[in-house]
Amino acid sequence: MSDEVARHAEFATAMRGYDRAQVDEYVAHLLSLVADGEERVRVAESQLQFGAPVSIGPRVTEIFDLALAEAGEVRERAQAEADELLADAHRRADELVATAERDADRIMVALGVQREEALAELAREQELASAQVIALERRKGKLVDELRRLQQLLGSAADSVADSAVEPPAWNEAGDTETLEVPLELHPPADPSADR
C-alpha cells in the first residue's frame, strides 16, 4: 500500500465523535483489502514480466499485452473500489460524528433545562426560608415584648409586696406579743393573653 493512501486513512480524534475502535477496525479492514489487491496486482505483473519467454511469437505477445492491459484494469478497479470503500468509511465516520454531536447537544440542552429547574427550585426554597425567618423574627419580637411586660409586672408585684411588708410584732411588757392585724392586698397578675 502506498504511503499516501496510508496518510489519508488516519482520522483525527476528537473529544466528542465517533467510536474510535469501531472506525479504526473498519478502516484497518479496508486498508487490508487495498493492500491485498495491490499485492495481487504486483504478483500478476511480476509473473507476466519475468515469466515471459525471451523470444515469443506475435500471438503470444498479443496475449501478454492483453494480460497486461487486463492487469491494469484490475488494478484500476481495485483502486476505485478501495477509494469507494474509503469514501464510504469517511461518510460513515462523518455520520457517526454528526450523530454524536446531535446527541451531545440534546444532552447539553437537557442538562441546561435541569439546571434551570434546580435553580428555580432553590430560589423557591430560599424564598420560603426567608419568609419563615421573618415570621420567626416577628414571633421572637412579640415574645421579648411579653417577657418585658412580665418582668415589669413581677417588679411591680415585688414592689407592692415590699411596701406592704408587715413589721415584726411588738412585745408588750408582759413579754407577750401583741397581735396585729395587717391586711394583705394581693393583686392577681393580669392575664397576659388579654394584651394580645
N, C-alpha and C. Protein backbone atom coordinates (compact mmCIF):
# COMPACT_ATOMS: atom_id res chain seq x y z
N MET A 1 0.86 -1.18 0.00
CA MET A 1 0.00 0.00 0.00
C MET A 1 0.89 1.23 0.00
N SER A 2 0.50 2.26 -0.72
CA SER A 2 1.33 3.45 -0.84
C SER A 2 1.24 4.28 0.44
N ASP A 3 2.28 5.11 0.65
CA ASP A 3 2.31 5.95 1.85
C ASP A 3 1.19 6.98 1.83
N GLU A 4 0.84 7.46 0.63
CA GLU A 4 -0.21 8.47 0.52
C GLU A 4 -1.55 7.93 0.98
N VAL A 5 -1.88 6.69 0.57
CA VAL A 5 -3.15 6.08 0.99
C VAL A 5 -3.15 5.90 2.50
N ALA A 6 -2.01 5.48 3.05
CA ALA A 6 -1.92 5.28 4.50
C ALA A 6 -2.11 6.60 5.23
N ARG A 7 -1.55 7.69 4.69
CA ARG A 7 -1.71 9.00 5.34
C ARG A 7 -3.17 9.45 5.33
N HIS A 8 -3.89 9.20 4.25
CA HIS A 8 -5.28 9.63 4.15
C HIS A 8 -6.22 8.75 4.96
N ALA A 9 -5.74 7.59 5.41
CA ALA A 9 -6.61 6.67 6.13
C ALA A 9 -6.70 6.99 7.61
N GLU A 10 -5.87 7.92 8.08
CA GLU A 10 -5.88 8.25 9.50
C GLU A 10 -6.94 9.31 9.78
N PHE A 11 -7.55 9.22 10.95
CA PHE A 11 -8.56 10.19 11.36
C PHE A 11 -8.05 10.93 12.58
N ALA A 12 -8.41 12.16 12.67
CA ALA A 12 -8.09 12.92 13.87
C ALA A 12 -9.11 12.56 14.94
N THR A 13 -8.63 12.43 16.15
CA THR A 13 -9.56 12.11 17.25
C THR A 13 -10.11 13.41 17.82
N ALA A 14 -11.29 13.31 18.37
CA ALA A 14 -11.94 14.49 18.95
C ALA A 14 -12.55 14.09 20.27
N MET A 15 -12.87 15.10 21.06
CA MET A 15 -13.48 14.84 22.37
C MET A 15 -14.82 14.14 22.21
N ARG A 16 -15.64 14.66 21.33
CA ARG A 16 -16.91 14.02 21.03
C ARG A 16 -16.81 13.54 19.60
N GLY A 17 -17.34 12.42 19.29
CA GLY A 17 -17.27 11.98 17.90
C GLY A 17 -17.56 10.51 17.78
N TYR A 18 -16.90 9.91 16.82
CA TYR A 18 -17.17 8.51 16.51
C TYR A 18 -16.53 7.59 17.53
N ASP A 19 -17.00 6.35 17.53
CA ASP A 19 -16.38 5.33 18.37
C ASP A 19 -15.09 4.94 17.68
N ARG A 20 -13.99 5.37 18.23
CA ARG A 20 -12.70 5.23 17.58
C ARG A 20 -12.38 3.77 17.28
N ALA A 21 -12.67 2.88 18.19
CA ALA A 21 -12.34 1.47 17.98
C ALA A 21 -13.09 0.90 16.77
N GLN A 22 -14.36 1.24 16.62
CA GLN A 22 -15.15 0.72 15.50
C GLN A 22 -14.65 1.28 14.18
N VAL A 23 -14.40 2.57 14.12
CA VAL A 23 -13.95 3.17 12.87
C VAL A 23 -12.54 2.68 12.54
N ASP A 24 -11.66 2.59 13.55
CA ASP A 24 -10.31 2.10 13.30
C ASP A 24 -10.33 0.67 12.77
N GLU A 25 -11.20 -0.14 13.34
CA GLU A 25 -11.32 -1.52 12.87
C GLU A 25 -11.81 -1.57 11.43
N TYR A 26 -12.78 -0.74 11.10
CA TYR A 26 -13.34 -0.71 9.74
C TYR A 26 -12.29 -0.21 8.75
N VAL A 27 -11.56 0.85 9.12
CA VAL A 27 -10.52 1.38 8.25
C VAL A 27 -9.40 0.36 8.07
N ALA A 28 -9.04 -0.34 9.13
CA ALA A 28 -8.00 -1.37 9.02
C ALA A 28 -8.43 -2.47 8.06
N HIS A 29 -9.72 -2.83 8.12
CA HIS A 29 -10.24 -3.84 7.19
C HIS A 29 -10.13 -3.34 5.75
N LEU A 30 -10.52 -2.09 5.51
CA LEU A 30 -10.43 -1.53 4.17
C LEU A 30 -8.99 -1.47 3.68
N LEU A 31 -8.10 -1.06 4.58
CA LEU A 31 -6.69 -0.98 4.19
C LEU A 31 -6.13 -2.35 3.86
N SER A 32 -6.55 -3.36 4.58
CA SER A 32 -6.07 -4.72 4.27
C SER A 32 -6.60 -5.18 2.92
N LEU A 33 -7.85 -4.80 2.57
CA LEU A 33 -8.39 -5.13 1.25
C LEU A 33 -7.58 -4.45 0.15
N VAL A 34 -7.25 -3.19 0.35
CA VAL A 34 -6.46 -2.45 -0.64
C VAL A 34 -5.08 -3.08 -0.77
N ALA A 35 -4.45 -3.37 0.38
CA ALA A 35 -3.11 -3.98 0.35
C ALA A 35 -3.16 -5.33 -0.36
N ASP A 36 -4.19 -6.12 -0.11
CA ASP A 36 -4.34 -7.42 -0.76
C ASP A 36 -4.48 -7.25 -2.26
N GLY A 37 -5.30 -6.27 -2.70
CA GLY A 37 -5.49 -6.01 -4.12
C GLY A 37 -4.19 -5.57 -4.78
N GLU A 38 -3.46 -4.66 -4.10
CA GLU A 38 -2.18 -4.21 -4.66
C GLU A 38 -1.18 -5.35 -4.76
N GLU A 39 -1.17 -6.20 -3.74
CA GLU A 39 -0.24 -7.35 -3.76
C GLU A 39 -0.57 -8.28 -4.91
N ARG A 40 -1.84 -8.51 -5.15
CA ARG A 40 -2.24 -9.37 -6.27
C ARG A 40 -1.80 -8.78 -7.61
N VAL A 41 -1.97 -7.47 -7.74
CA VAL A 41 -1.56 -6.82 -8.97
C VAL A 41 -0.05 -6.94 -9.16
N ARG A 42 0.73 -6.70 -8.09
CA ARG A 42 2.19 -6.82 -8.18
C ARG A 42 2.61 -8.22 -8.59
N VAL A 43 1.96 -9.21 -7.94
CA VAL A 43 2.29 -10.61 -8.26
C VAL A 43 1.96 -10.90 -9.72
N ALA A 44 0.79 -10.45 -10.18
CA ALA A 44 0.40 -10.70 -11.57
C ALA A 44 1.36 -10.01 -12.53
N GLU A 45 1.75 -8.77 -12.23
CA GLU A 45 2.68 -8.06 -13.11
C GLU A 45 4.04 -8.71 -13.13
N SER A 46 4.53 -9.13 -11.96
CA SER A 46 5.86 -9.75 -11.92
C SER A 46 5.85 -11.09 -12.65
N GLN A 47 4.75 -11.83 -12.54
CA GLN A 47 4.67 -13.11 -13.25
C GLN A 47 4.63 -12.87 -14.75
N LEU A 48 3.95 -11.84 -15.18
CA LEU A 48 3.87 -11.55 -16.60
C LEU A 48 5.22 -11.06 -17.13
N GLN A 49 5.90 -10.18 -16.36
CA GLN A 49 7.14 -9.62 -16.85
C GLN A 49 8.28 -10.63 -16.79
N PHE A 50 8.40 -11.36 -15.68
CA PHE A 50 9.52 -12.26 -15.54
C PHE A 50 9.26 -13.64 -16.12
N GLY A 51 8.03 -13.98 -16.33
CA GLY A 51 7.72 -15.30 -16.85
C GLY A 51 7.62 -15.34 -18.37
N ALA A 52 7.77 -14.21 -19.03
CA ALA A 52 7.64 -14.18 -20.49
C ALA A 52 8.91 -14.73 -21.15
N PRO A 53 8.77 -15.57 -22.12
CA PRO A 53 9.97 -16.08 -22.81
C PRO A 53 10.64 -14.96 -23.61
N VAL A 54 11.95 -15.13 -23.82
CA VAL A 54 12.73 -14.11 -24.50
C VAL A 54 12.29 -13.97 -25.95
N SER A 55 12.10 -15.02 -26.59
CA SER A 55 11.65 -14.93 -27.99
C SER A 55 10.26 -15.50 -28.07
N ILE A 56 9.32 -14.64 -28.36
CA ILE A 56 7.94 -15.08 -28.43
C ILE A 56 7.37 -14.66 -29.77
N GLY A 57 6.32 -15.35 -30.12
CA GLY A 57 5.68 -15.04 -31.39
C GLY A 57 4.69 -13.92 -31.23
N PRO A 58 4.15 -13.42 -32.36
CA PRO A 58 3.21 -12.30 -32.29
C PRO A 58 1.94 -12.65 -31.53
N ARG A 59 1.51 -13.88 -31.62
CA ARG A 59 0.27 -14.28 -30.91
C ARG A 59 0.52 -14.25 -29.41
N VAL A 60 1.65 -14.74 -28.95
CA VAL A 60 1.97 -14.74 -27.52
C VAL A 60 2.15 -13.30 -27.03
N THR A 61 2.78 -12.46 -27.86
CA THR A 61 2.96 -11.06 -27.48
C THR A 61 1.60 -10.39 -27.32
N GLU A 62 0.70 -10.70 -28.22
CA GLU A 62 -0.66 -10.16 -28.13
C GLU A 62 -1.34 -10.62 -26.85
N ILE A 63 -1.16 -11.88 -26.50
CA ILE A 63 -1.76 -12.41 -25.25
C ILE A 63 -1.15 -11.71 -24.04
N PHE A 64 0.19 -11.53 -24.05
CA PHE A 64 0.84 -10.83 -22.94
C PHE A 64 0.35 -9.38 -22.83
N ASP A 65 0.20 -8.72 -23.98
CA ASP A 65 -0.28 -7.35 -23.96
C ASP A 65 -1.71 -7.27 -23.41
N LEU A 66 -2.55 -8.24 -23.83
CA LEU A 66 -3.91 -8.29 -23.30
C LEU A 66 -3.90 -8.55 -21.80
N ALA A 67 -3.03 -9.45 -21.36
CA ALA A 67 -2.92 -9.76 -19.93
C ALA A 67 -2.47 -8.53 -19.15
N LEU A 68 -1.47 -7.79 -19.69
CA LEU A 68 -1.02 -6.58 -19.01
C LEU A 68 -2.12 -5.53 -18.96
N ALA A 69 -2.86 -5.39 -20.05
CA ALA A 69 -3.97 -4.43 -20.06
C ALA A 69 -5.03 -4.83 -19.05
N GLU A 70 -5.31 -6.14 -19.03
CA GLU A 70 -6.32 -6.62 -18.06
C GLU A 70 -5.83 -6.42 -16.63
N ALA A 71 -4.54 -6.65 -16.39
CA ALA A 71 -3.98 -6.42 -15.06
C ALA A 71 -4.10 -4.96 -14.68
N GLY A 72 -3.86 -4.08 -15.63
CA GLY A 72 -4.02 -2.65 -15.36
C GLY A 72 -5.46 -2.30 -15.03
N GLU A 73 -6.40 -2.90 -15.76
CA GLU A 73 -7.82 -2.68 -15.48
C GLU A 73 -8.19 -3.20 -14.09
N VAL A 74 -7.66 -4.41 -13.78
CA VAL A 74 -7.93 -4.97 -12.45
C VAL A 74 -7.39 -4.04 -11.37
N ARG A 75 -6.19 -3.52 -11.63
CA ARG A 75 -5.59 -2.61 -10.65
C ARG A 75 -6.45 -1.35 -10.50
N GLU A 76 -6.89 -0.79 -11.63
CA GLU A 76 -7.73 0.42 -11.58
C GLU A 76 -9.05 0.14 -10.86
N ARG A 77 -9.65 -1.03 -11.16
CA ARG A 77 -10.90 -1.38 -10.47
C ARG A 77 -10.67 -1.54 -8.97
N ALA A 78 -9.57 -2.20 -8.62
CA ALA A 78 -9.25 -2.38 -7.19
C ALA A 78 -9.03 -1.04 -6.52
N GLN A 79 -8.32 -0.14 -7.23
CA GLN A 79 -8.08 1.19 -6.67
C GLN A 79 -9.39 1.95 -6.53
N ALA A 80 -10.25 1.86 -7.54
CA ALA A 80 -11.55 2.54 -7.48
C ALA A 80 -12.40 1.99 -6.35
N GLU A 81 -12.37 0.66 -6.19
CA GLU A 81 -13.14 0.03 -5.11
C GLU A 81 -12.59 0.47 -3.76
N ALA A 82 -11.27 0.51 -3.65
CA ALA A 82 -10.65 0.94 -2.39
C ALA A 82 -11.01 2.39 -2.10
N ASP A 83 -10.96 3.24 -3.15
CA ASP A 83 -11.33 4.66 -2.96
C ASP A 83 -12.79 4.79 -2.53
N GLU A 84 -13.64 3.96 -3.15
CA GLU A 84 -15.07 4.00 -2.79
C GLU A 84 -15.28 3.53 -1.36
N LEU A 85 -14.59 2.46 -0.98
CA LEU A 85 -14.71 1.96 0.39
C LEU A 85 -14.19 3.00 1.39
N LEU A 86 -13.09 3.64 1.02
CA LEU A 86 -12.54 4.66 1.90
C LEU A 86 -13.49 5.85 2.01
N ALA A 87 -14.07 6.25 0.89
CA ALA A 87 -15.05 7.35 0.92
C ALA A 87 -16.26 6.96 1.75
N ASP A 88 -16.69 5.69 1.63
CA ASP A 88 -17.81 5.21 2.43
C ASP A 88 -17.45 5.23 3.92
N ALA A 89 -16.22 4.85 4.22
CA ALA A 89 -15.77 4.89 5.63
C ALA A 89 -15.78 6.32 6.15
N HIS A 90 -15.33 7.26 5.30
CA HIS A 90 -15.36 8.67 5.71
C HIS A 90 -16.79 9.14 5.93
N ARG A 91 -17.70 8.74 5.02
CA ARG A 91 -19.11 9.12 5.16
C ARG A 91 -19.69 8.58 6.46
N ARG A 92 -19.40 7.31 6.71
CA ARG A 92 -19.93 6.71 7.94
C ARG A 92 -19.34 7.37 9.18
N ALA A 93 -18.06 7.66 9.13
CA ALA A 93 -17.43 8.34 10.26
C ALA A 93 -18.06 9.72 10.47
N ASP A 94 -18.31 10.43 9.36
CA ASP A 94 -18.95 11.75 9.47
C ASP A 94 -20.36 11.62 10.06
N GLU A 95 -21.09 10.58 9.63
CA GLU A 95 -22.43 10.35 10.17
C GLU A 95 -22.36 10.06 11.67
N LEU A 96 -21.37 9.24 12.06
CA LEU A 96 -21.21 8.92 13.49
C LEU A 96 -20.88 10.18 14.28
N VAL A 97 -20.00 11.00 13.72
CA VAL A 97 -19.63 12.25 14.41
C VAL A 97 -20.85 13.16 14.52
N ALA A 98 -21.61 13.29 13.42
CA ALA A 98 -22.80 14.15 13.44
C ALA A 98 -23.82 13.64 14.45
N THR A 99 -24.03 12.33 14.47
CA THR A 99 -24.97 11.75 15.44
C THR A 99 -24.49 12.00 16.87
N ALA A 100 -23.21 11.80 17.10
CA ALA A 100 -22.66 12.03 18.45
C ALA A 100 -22.81 13.50 18.85
N GLU A 101 -22.56 14.40 17.89
CA GLU A 101 -22.70 15.82 18.21
C GLU A 101 -24.16 16.19 18.50
N ARG A 102 -25.10 15.61 17.71
CA ARG A 102 -26.52 15.88 17.98
C ARG A 102 -26.90 15.35 19.36
N ASP A 103 -26.43 14.13 19.68
CA ASP A 103 -26.74 13.56 20.99
C ASP A 103 -26.15 14.42 22.10
N ALA A 104 -24.92 14.87 21.90
CA ALA A 104 -24.28 15.73 22.90
C ALA A 104 -25.04 17.03 23.06
N ASP A 105 -25.49 17.60 21.94
CA ASP A 105 -26.28 18.85 22.02
C ASP A 105 -27.57 18.63 22.78
N ARG A 106 -28.25 17.50 22.49
CA ARG A 106 -29.50 17.19 23.20
C ARG A 106 -29.24 17.04 24.69
N ILE A 107 -28.15 16.36 25.02
CA ILE A 107 -27.81 16.16 26.44
C ILE A 107 -27.52 17.50 27.10
N MET A 108 -26.79 18.37 26.39
CA MET A 108 -26.48 19.69 26.96
C MET A 108 -27.74 20.51 27.17
N VAL A 109 -28.67 20.44 26.23
CA VAL A 109 -29.95 21.16 26.38
C VAL A 109 -30.71 20.60 27.59
N ALA A 110 -30.75 19.27 27.68
CA ALA A 110 -31.47 18.65 28.81
C ALA A 110 -30.82 19.04 30.13
N LEU A 111 -29.49 19.05 30.16
CA LEU A 111 -28.79 19.46 31.39
C LEU A 111 -29.07 20.92 31.71
N GLY A 112 -29.15 21.76 30.67
CA GLY A 112 -29.46 23.17 30.90
C GLY A 112 -30.85 23.34 31.49
N VAL A 113 -31.81 22.57 30.97
CA VAL A 113 -33.18 22.63 31.49
C VAL A 113 -33.21 22.16 32.94
N GLN A 114 -32.51 21.06 33.21
CA GLN A 114 -32.47 20.54 34.59
C GLN A 114 -31.81 21.55 35.52
N ARG A 115 -30.76 22.22 35.04
CA ARG A 115 -30.07 23.21 35.85
C ARG A 115 -31.01 24.37 36.17
N GLU A 116 -31.73 24.84 35.14
CA GLU A 116 -32.67 25.95 35.35
C GLU A 116 -33.77 25.56 36.34
N GLU A 117 -34.27 24.33 36.21
CA GLU A 117 -35.31 23.87 37.13
C GLU A 117 -34.76 23.79 38.55
N ALA A 118 -33.53 23.29 38.69
CA ALA A 118 -32.93 23.18 40.02
C ALA A 118 -32.71 24.57 40.62
N LEU A 119 -32.27 25.53 39.80
CA LEU A 119 -32.08 26.89 40.30
C LEU A 119 -33.41 27.52 40.71
N ALA A 120 -34.46 27.27 39.92
CA ALA A 120 -35.78 27.81 40.26
C ALA A 120 -36.27 27.20 41.57
N GLU A 121 -36.08 25.89 41.73
CA GLU A 121 -36.49 25.22 42.98
C GLU A 121 -35.70 25.78 44.16
N LEU A 122 -34.41 25.99 43.97
CA LEU A 122 -33.58 26.56 45.03
C LEU A 122 -34.06 27.96 45.40
N ALA A 123 -34.41 28.76 44.40
CA ALA A 123 -34.91 30.11 44.66
C ALA A 123 -36.21 30.06 45.45
N ARG A 124 -37.10 29.11 45.08
CA ARG A 124 -38.37 28.97 45.82
C ARG A 124 -38.09 28.58 47.28
N GLU A 125 -37.16 27.65 47.47
CA GLU A 125 -36.85 27.22 48.84
C GLU A 125 -36.22 28.35 49.64
N GLN A 126 -35.34 29.16 49.00
CA GLN A 126 -34.74 30.29 49.69
C GLN A 126 -35.81 31.32 50.07
N GLU A 127 -36.75 31.55 49.18
CA GLU A 127 -37.83 32.49 49.46
C GLU A 127 -38.68 32.00 50.64
N LEU A 128 -38.98 30.70 50.65
CA LEU A 128 -39.75 30.12 51.75
C LEU A 128 -38.98 30.23 53.06
N ALA A 129 -37.67 29.93 53.01
CA ALA A 129 -36.86 30.00 54.22
C ALA A 129 -36.79 31.45 54.72
N SER A 130 -36.67 32.42 53.81
CA SER A 130 -36.64 33.82 54.21
C SER A 130 -37.95 34.22 54.87
N ALA A 131 -39.07 33.77 54.31
CA ALA A 131 -40.38 34.07 54.91
C ALA A 131 -40.48 33.47 56.31
N GLN A 132 -39.95 32.25 56.46
CA GLN A 132 -40.00 31.61 57.79
C GLN A 132 -39.12 32.36 58.78
N VAL A 133 -37.95 32.82 58.32
CA VAL A 133 -37.06 33.58 59.22
C VAL A 133 -37.74 34.87 59.65
N ILE A 134 -38.40 35.56 58.72
CA ILE A 134 -39.10 36.80 59.05
C ILE A 134 -40.21 36.53 60.07
N ALA A 135 -40.97 35.45 59.87
CA ALA A 135 -42.04 35.10 60.80
C ALA A 135 -41.47 34.78 62.18
N LEU A 136 -40.35 34.07 62.21
CA LEU A 136 -39.72 33.74 63.49
C LEU A 136 -39.19 35.00 64.18
N GLU A 137 -38.64 35.93 63.40
CA GLU A 137 -38.16 37.19 63.99
C GLU A 137 -39.33 37.96 64.61
N ARG A 138 -40.45 38.01 63.91
CA ARG A 138 -41.64 38.68 64.47
C ARG A 138 -42.09 38.00 65.75
N ARG A 139 -42.15 36.68 65.73
CA ARG A 139 -42.56 35.91 66.91
C ARG A 139 -41.60 36.18 68.07
N LYS A 140 -40.31 36.21 67.73
CA LYS A 140 -39.30 36.48 68.76
C LYS A 140 -39.53 37.87 69.36
N GLY A 141 -39.82 38.87 68.50
CA GLY A 141 -40.07 40.22 69.00
C GLY A 141 -41.27 40.26 69.94
N LYS A 142 -42.33 39.55 69.56
CA LYS A 142 -43.52 39.51 70.43
C LYS A 142 -43.20 38.84 71.76
N LEU A 143 -42.44 37.76 71.71
CA LEU A 143 -42.08 37.06 72.95
C LEU A 143 -41.20 37.92 73.84
N VAL A 144 -40.25 38.65 73.23
CA VAL A 144 -39.40 39.54 74.02
C VAL A 144 -40.24 40.63 74.67
N ASP A 145 -41.17 41.21 73.92
CA ASP A 145 -42.07 42.22 74.49
C ASP A 145 -42.89 41.64 75.63
N GLU A 146 -43.38 40.43 75.46
CA GLU A 146 -44.17 39.77 76.50
C GLU A 146 -43.31 39.53 77.75
N LEU A 147 -42.06 39.11 77.56
CA LEU A 147 -41.16 38.90 78.71
C LEU A 147 -40.90 40.21 79.44
N ARG A 148 -40.72 41.29 78.70
CA ARG A 148 -40.50 42.60 79.35
C ARG A 148 -41.73 43.00 80.16
N ARG A 149 -42.91 42.78 79.57
CA ARG A 149 -44.14 43.11 80.28
C ARG A 149 -44.26 42.29 81.56
N LEU A 150 -43.94 41.00 81.46
CA LEU A 150 -44.00 40.14 82.64
C LEU A 150 -42.97 40.57 83.69
N GLN A 151 -41.78 41.00 83.21
CA GLN A 151 -40.76 41.48 84.14
C GLN A 151 -41.27 42.71 84.89
N GLN A 152 -41.93 43.62 84.16
CA GLN A 152 -42.47 44.81 84.80
C GLN A 152 -43.55 44.44 85.81
N LEU A 153 -44.42 43.48 85.43
CA LEU A 153 -45.46 43.03 86.37
C LEU A 153 -44.84 42.42 87.62
N LEU A 154 -43.80 41.59 87.41
CA LEU A 154 -43.13 40.98 88.56
C LEU A 154 -42.45 42.04 89.42
N GLY A 155 -41.85 43.04 88.75
CA GLY A 155 -41.21 44.13 89.50
C GLY A 155 -42.25 44.91 90.30
N SER A 156 -43.41 45.19 89.67
CA SER A 156 -44.48 45.90 90.36
C SER A 156 -45.01 45.08 91.53
N ALA A 157 -45.16 43.76 91.31
CA ALA A 157 -45.66 42.89 92.38
C ALA A 157 -44.66 42.86 93.52
N ALA A 158 -43.36 42.81 93.19
CA ALA A 158 -42.33 42.79 94.24
C ALA A 158 -42.35 44.10 95.01
N ASP A 159 -42.53 45.20 94.30
CA ASP A 159 -42.60 46.49 94.98
C ASP A 159 -43.82 46.56 95.89
N SER A 160 -44.96 46.04 95.43
CA SER A 160 -46.18 46.04 96.24
C SER A 160 -45.98 45.22 97.50
N VAL A 161 -45.35 44.07 97.34
CA VAL A 161 -45.11 43.21 98.49
C VAL A 161 -44.17 43.90 99.46
N ALA A 162 -43.16 44.57 98.95
CA ALA A 162 -42.20 45.25 99.81
C ALA A 162 -42.86 46.41 100.54
N ASP A 163 -43.77 47.13 99.87
CA ASP A 163 -44.45 48.26 100.50
C ASP A 163 -45.42 47.81 101.60
N SER A 164 -46.03 46.69 101.41
CA SER A 164 -47.00 46.24 102.39
C SER A 164 -46.42 45.20 103.34
N ALA A 165 -45.13 45.22 103.48
CA ALA A 165 -44.49 44.24 104.35
C ALA A 165 -44.92 44.50 105.80
N VAL A 166 -45.14 43.46 106.56
CA VAL A 166 -45.59 43.52 107.95
C VAL A 166 -44.39 43.73 108.85
N GLU A 167 -44.52 44.67 109.76
CA GLU A 167 -43.43 44.88 110.69
C GLU A 167 -43.48 43.79 111.74
N PRO A 168 -42.39 43.48 112.34
CA PRO A 168 -42.39 42.41 113.34
C PRO A 168 -43.29 42.80 114.52
N PRO A 169 -43.87 41.81 115.13
CA PRO A 169 -44.80 42.10 116.24
C PRO A 169 -44.09 42.83 117.39
N ALA A 170 -44.83 43.69 118.02
CA ALA A 170 -44.26 44.44 119.15
C ALA A 170 -44.45 43.62 120.43
N TRP A 171 -43.50 43.68 121.30
CA TRP A 171 -43.56 42.94 122.56
C TRP A 171 -44.14 43.86 123.63
N ASN A 172 -45.09 43.33 124.35
CA ASN A 172 -45.61 44.13 125.46
C ASN A 172 -44.76 43.89 126.70
N GLU A 173 -45.13 44.56 127.76
CA GLU A 173 -44.31 44.44 128.94
C GLU A 173 -44.38 43.08 129.57
N ALA A 174 -45.41 42.36 129.28
CA ALA A 174 -45.53 41.04 129.89
C ALA A 174 -44.71 40.03 129.12
N GLY A 175 -44.16 40.44 128.04
CA GLY A 175 -43.37 39.52 127.24
C GLY A 175 -44.18 38.82 126.18
N ASP A 176 -45.46 39.18 126.12
CA ASP A 176 -46.29 38.57 125.08
C ASP A 176 -46.27 39.48 123.85
N THR A 177 -46.51 38.84 122.78
CA THR A 177 -46.57 39.64 121.55
C THR A 177 -47.98 40.13 121.39
N GLU A 178 -48.05 41.31 120.84
CA GLU A 178 -49.36 41.86 120.55
C GLU A 178 -49.77 41.39 119.16
N THR A 179 -50.99 41.07 119.06
CA THR A 179 -51.49 40.61 117.78
C THR A 179 -51.87 41.81 116.95
N LEU A 180 -51.27 41.88 115.80
CA LEU A 180 -51.58 42.98 114.90
C LEU A 180 -52.25 42.41 113.66
N GLU A 181 -53.26 43.04 113.25
CA GLU A 181 -53.91 42.60 112.01
C GLU A 181 -53.43 43.51 110.88
N VAL A 182 -52.81 42.88 109.89
CA VAL A 182 -52.32 43.64 108.73
C VAL A 182 -53.06 43.11 107.51
N PRO A 183 -53.78 43.97 106.90
CA PRO A 183 -54.48 43.48 105.70
C PRO A 183 -53.49 43.26 104.54
N LEU A 184 -53.58 42.13 103.98
CA LEU A 184 -52.75 41.82 102.78
C LEU A 184 -53.62 41.98 101.56
N GLU A 185 -53.15 42.82 100.72
CA GLU A 185 -53.91 43.05 99.49
C GLU A 185 -53.07 42.56 98.32
N LEU A 186 -53.48 41.48 97.79
CA LEU A 186 -52.73 40.91 96.65
C LEU A 186 -53.54 41.14 95.38
N HIS A 187 -52.83 41.58 94.40
CA HIS A 187 -53.46 41.79 93.11
C HIS A 187 -53.09 40.62 92.21
N PRO A 188 -54.07 39.96 91.68
CA PRO A 188 -53.71 38.85 90.76
C PRO A 188 -53.06 39.42 89.50
N PRO A 189 -52.09 38.70 88.97
CA PRO A 189 -51.43 39.23 87.74
C PRO A 189 -52.43 39.31 86.60
N ALA A 190 -52.20 40.28 85.78
CA ALA A 190 -53.10 40.47 84.64
C ALA A 190 -52.92 39.28 83.67
N ASP A 191 -54.01 38.96 83.03
CA ASP A 191 -53.98 37.86 82.04
C ASP A 191 -53.12 38.28 80.85
N PRO A 192 -51.99 37.57 80.60
CA PRO A 192 -51.10 38.00 79.51
C PRO A 192 -51.78 37.91 78.14
N SER A 193 -52.76 37.04 78.01
CA SER A 193 -53.40 36.91 76.69
C SER A 193 -54.35 38.06 76.42
N ALA A 194 -54.70 38.85 77.47
CA ALA A 194 -55.64 39.95 77.27
C ALA A 194 -55.00 41.07 76.45
N ASP A 195 -53.65 41.20 76.53
CA ASP A 195 -52.96 42.27 75.80
C ASP A 195 -52.75 41.95 74.34
N ARG A 196 -52.97 40.76 73.97
CA ARG A 196 -52.66 40.36 72.57
C ARG A 196 -53.70 40.79 71.64
